[in-house]
């Protein structure tokens, strides 16, 4: 993700997360300033001087070498592109960064978002608990989920 993508990502937030405090442009800028691993998927065309953003994903990275922890802060796909595998590709791309760092990944997901929960479980995430009223202003609950760090040794032996 580059700063030129922020406006489009913030607009997509408004479409997808209007009930739950969508991120404004400042939130994306802040995450980029902090050095997170943020990716966008674009269709390659330019509209009104901007690339057309189809989706995005962001991984916050905390800690220091040898002791990193990551958090999937956001992932979103335009409604007309959901179900095409784009969300899975974005998730795999940010998880690859976590694997490169041998870092566990944490996330929160709405308890009623069955498709996202299924995707996360397919990629090794386990539910840790429920955060009541996590999403505001809707008051929706969230599962906290975790995927353990995948180290080189685990990848080699298939576990």
Protein backbone atom coordinates (compact mmCIF):
# COMPACT_ATOMS: atom_id res chain seq x y z
CA UNK A 1 0.00 0.00 0.00
CA UNK A 2 1.19 3.46 -0.87
CA UNK A 3 -0.19 6.74 0.37
CA UNK A 4 -1.88 7.22 -3.02
CA UNK A 5 -4.12 4.24 -2.14
CA UNK A 6 -5.29 5.56 1.23
CA UNK A 7 -8.26 7.57 -0.03
CA UNK A 8 -9.67 4.60 -1.95
CA UNK A 9 -9.14 2.27 1.01
CA UNK A 10 -10.90 4.67 3.38
CA UNK A 11 -13.80 4.93 0.92
CA UNK A 12 -14.08 1.13 0.80
CA UNK A 13 -14.08 1.10 4.62
CA UNK A 14 -17.18 3.35 4.49
CA UNK A 15 -18.92 0.87 2.18
CA UNK A 16 -18.06 -2.27 4.14
CA UNK A 17 -17.85 -1.16 7.76
CA UNK A 18 -20.25 1.76 8.07
CA UNK A 19 -21.83 0.23 11.22
CA UNK A 20 -18.50 -0.28 12.96
CA UNK A 21 -16.34 2.84 12.91
CA UNK A 22 -14.68 2.61 9.49
CA UNK A 23 -11.09 3.75 9.37
CA UNK A 24 -10.58 7.32 8.17
CA UNK A 25 -7.59 8.15 5.97
CA UNK A 26 -5.62 9.23 9.06
CA UNK A 27 -5.77 5.67 10.44
CA UNK A 28 -4.22 4.24 7.29
CA UNK A 29 -1.55 6.95 7.28
CA UNK A 30 -0.75 6.19 10.91
CA UNK A 31 -0.38 2.46 10.22
CA UNK A 32 1.92 3.17 7.29
CA UNK A 33 3.96 5.52 9.50
CA UNK A 34 4.34 2.73 12.08
CA UNK A 35 5.82 0.38 9.47
CA UNK A 36 3.01 -2.14 9.18
CA UNK A 37 2.82 -4.51 6.23
CA UNK A 38 -0.13 -3.18 4.19
CA UNK A 39 -1.06 -4.50 0.76
CA UNK A 40 -3.58 -3.48 -1.88
CA UNK A 41 -5.02 -5.37 -4.83
CA UNK A 42 -5.67 -3.15 -7.84
CA UNK A 43 -7.24 -3.90 -11.22
CA UNK A 44 -4.48 -2.16 -13.13
CA UNK A 45 -6.63 0.56 -14.65
CA UNK A 46 -6.48 4.18 -13.63
CA UNK A 47 -9.71 6.02 -12.82
CA UNK A 48 -9.69 9.71 -12.00
CA UNK A 49 -5.91 9.55 -11.70
CA UNK A 50 -5.99 6.67 -9.19
CA UNK A 51 -5.60 2.93 -9.47
CA UNK A 52 -8.88 1.13 -8.79
CA UNK A 53 -8.46 -0.60 -5.41
CA UNK A 54 -10.22 -3.97 -5.25
CA UNK A 55 -9.16 -4.85 -1.73
CA UNK A 56 -6.53 -4.45 0.93
CA UNK A 57 -5.06 -6.10 4.00
CA UNK A 58 -2.91 -4.81 6.82
CA UNK A 59 -0.62 -6.51 9.29
CA UNK A 60 0.74 -4.61 12.29
CA UNK A 61 4.18 -5.74 13.39
CA UNK A 62 5.26 -5.35 16.99
CA UNK A 63 8.33 -6.38 18.96
CA UNK A 64 11.90 -6.93 17.90
CA UNK A 65 13.88 -9.43 15.83
CA UNK A 66 13.41 -12.91 17.24
CA UNK A 67 10.39 -11.87 19.29
CA UNK A 68 7.87 -10.43 16.84
CA UNK A 69 4.12 -10.52 17.21
CA UNK A 70 1.70 -9.45 14.50
CA UNK A 71 -1.94 -8.48 14.31
CA UNK A 72 -4.18 -8.59 11.27
CA UNK A 73 -5.65 -5.11 11.62
CA UNK A 74 -7.78 -5.01 8.51
CA UNK A 75 -8.76 -6.95 5.43
CA UNK A 76 -11.41 -5.93 2.93
CA UNK A 77 -12.59 -6.76 -0.57
CA UNK A 78 -15.05 -4.79 -2.71
CA UNK A 79 -18.47 -6.47 -2.59
CA UNK A 80 -18.44 -7.23 -6.33
CA UNK A 81 -15.12 -9.10 -5.91
CA UNK A 82 -15.99 -11.09 -2.79
CA UNK A 83 -16.01 -14.84 -3.32
CA UNK A 84 -13.38 -14.65 -6.08
CA UNK A 85 -10.42 -15.70 -3.94
CA UNK A 86 -9.06 -12.17 -3.60
CA UNK A 87 -9.54 -12.10 0.18
CA UNK A 88 -7.79 -15.45 0.49
CA UNK A 89 -4.88 -14.17 -1.63
CA UNK A 90 -4.55 -11.02 0.50
CA UNK A 91 -4.67 -13.08 3.70
CA UNK A 92 -2.02 -15.48 2.42
CA UNK A 93 0.20 -12.56 1.44
CA UNK A 94 0.13 -10.98 4.89
CA UNK A 95 0.53 -14.37 6.56
CA UNK A 96 3.63 -14.93 4.44
CA UNK A 97 5.11 -11.81 6.05
CA UNK A 98 4.27 -13.14 9.52
CA UNK A 99 5.90 -16.46 8.57
CA UNK A 100 9.00 -14.61 7.37
CA UNK A 101 9.19 -13.06 10.86
CA UNK A 102 8.29 -16.37 12.60
CA UNK A 103 5.58 -14.37 14.38
CA UNK A 104 2.19 -15.38 15.73
CA UNK A 105 -0.82 -13.55 14.29
CA UNK A 106 -3.76 -12.24 16.30
CA UNK A 107 -7.04 -10.81 14.99
CA UNK A 108 -10.59 -9.91 15.90
CA UNK A 109 -13.54 -10.85 13.72
CA UNK A 110 -17.26 -10.29 14.14
CA UNK A 111 -18.89 -13.39 15.60
CA UNK A 112 -21.55 -13.23 12.86
CA UNK A 113 -19.04 -13.13 9.97
CA UNK A 114 -19.11 -16.84 9.15
CA UNK A 115 -17.25 -16.55 5.84
CA UNK A 116 -14.32 -14.70 7.43
CA UNK A 117 -14.22 -17.07 10.41
CA UNK A 118 -14.12 -20.04 8.04
CA UNK A 119 -11.31 -18.46 6.02
CA UNK A 120 -9.27 -17.80 9.14
CA UNK A 121 -9.83 -21.32 10.47
CA UNK A 122 -8.70 -22.75 7.10
CA UNK A 123 -5.45 -20.85 7.60
CA UNK A 124 -4.73 -22.19 11.08
CA UNK A 125 -6.42 -19.63 13.32
CA UNK A 126 -8.08 -20.79 16.52
CA UNK A 127 -10.65 -18.95 18.60
CA UNK A 128 -9.35 -17.73 21.93
CA UNK A 129 -12.40 -15.97 23.30
CA UNK A 130 -15.12 -13.39 22.75
CA UNK A 131 -14.88 -9.64 23.17
CA UNK A 132 -18.38 -8.46 24.03
CA UNK A 133 -19.45 -5.25 22.30
CA UNK A 134 -16.06 -4.94 20.59
CA UNK A 135 -17.31 -3.26 17.42
CA UNK A 136 -18.73 0.21 17.90
CA UNK A 137 -21.14 1.77 17.48
CA UNK A 138 -23.03 -1.42 16.50
CA UNK A 139 -22.10 -3.25 19.71
CA UNK A 140 -21.33 -6.46 17.79
CA UNK A 141 -19.20 -9.07 19.53
CA UNK A 142 -15.86 -10.25 18.17
CA UNK A 143 -13.92 -13.46 18.40
CA UNK A 144 -10.26 -13.07 19.20
CA UNK A 145 -8.33 -15.57 17.10
CA UNK A 146 -4.69 -16.60 16.97
CA UNK A 147 -2.44 -18.42 14.55
CA UNK A 148 0.79 -19.63 16.11
CA UNK A 149 4.11 -18.63 14.62
CA UNK A 150 5.24 -20.79 11.77
CA UNK A 151 8.97 -21.32 11.84
CA UNK A 152 11.21 -22.82 9.19
CA UNK A 153 11.31 -26.11 11.09
CA UNK A 154 7.51 -26.37 11.14
CA UNK A 155 7.29 -25.64 7.41
CA UNK A 156 9.84 -28.31 6.53
CA UNK A 157 8.14 -31.13 8.40
CA UNK A 158 4.61 -30.07 7.42
CA UNK A 159 3.41 -29.05 10.87
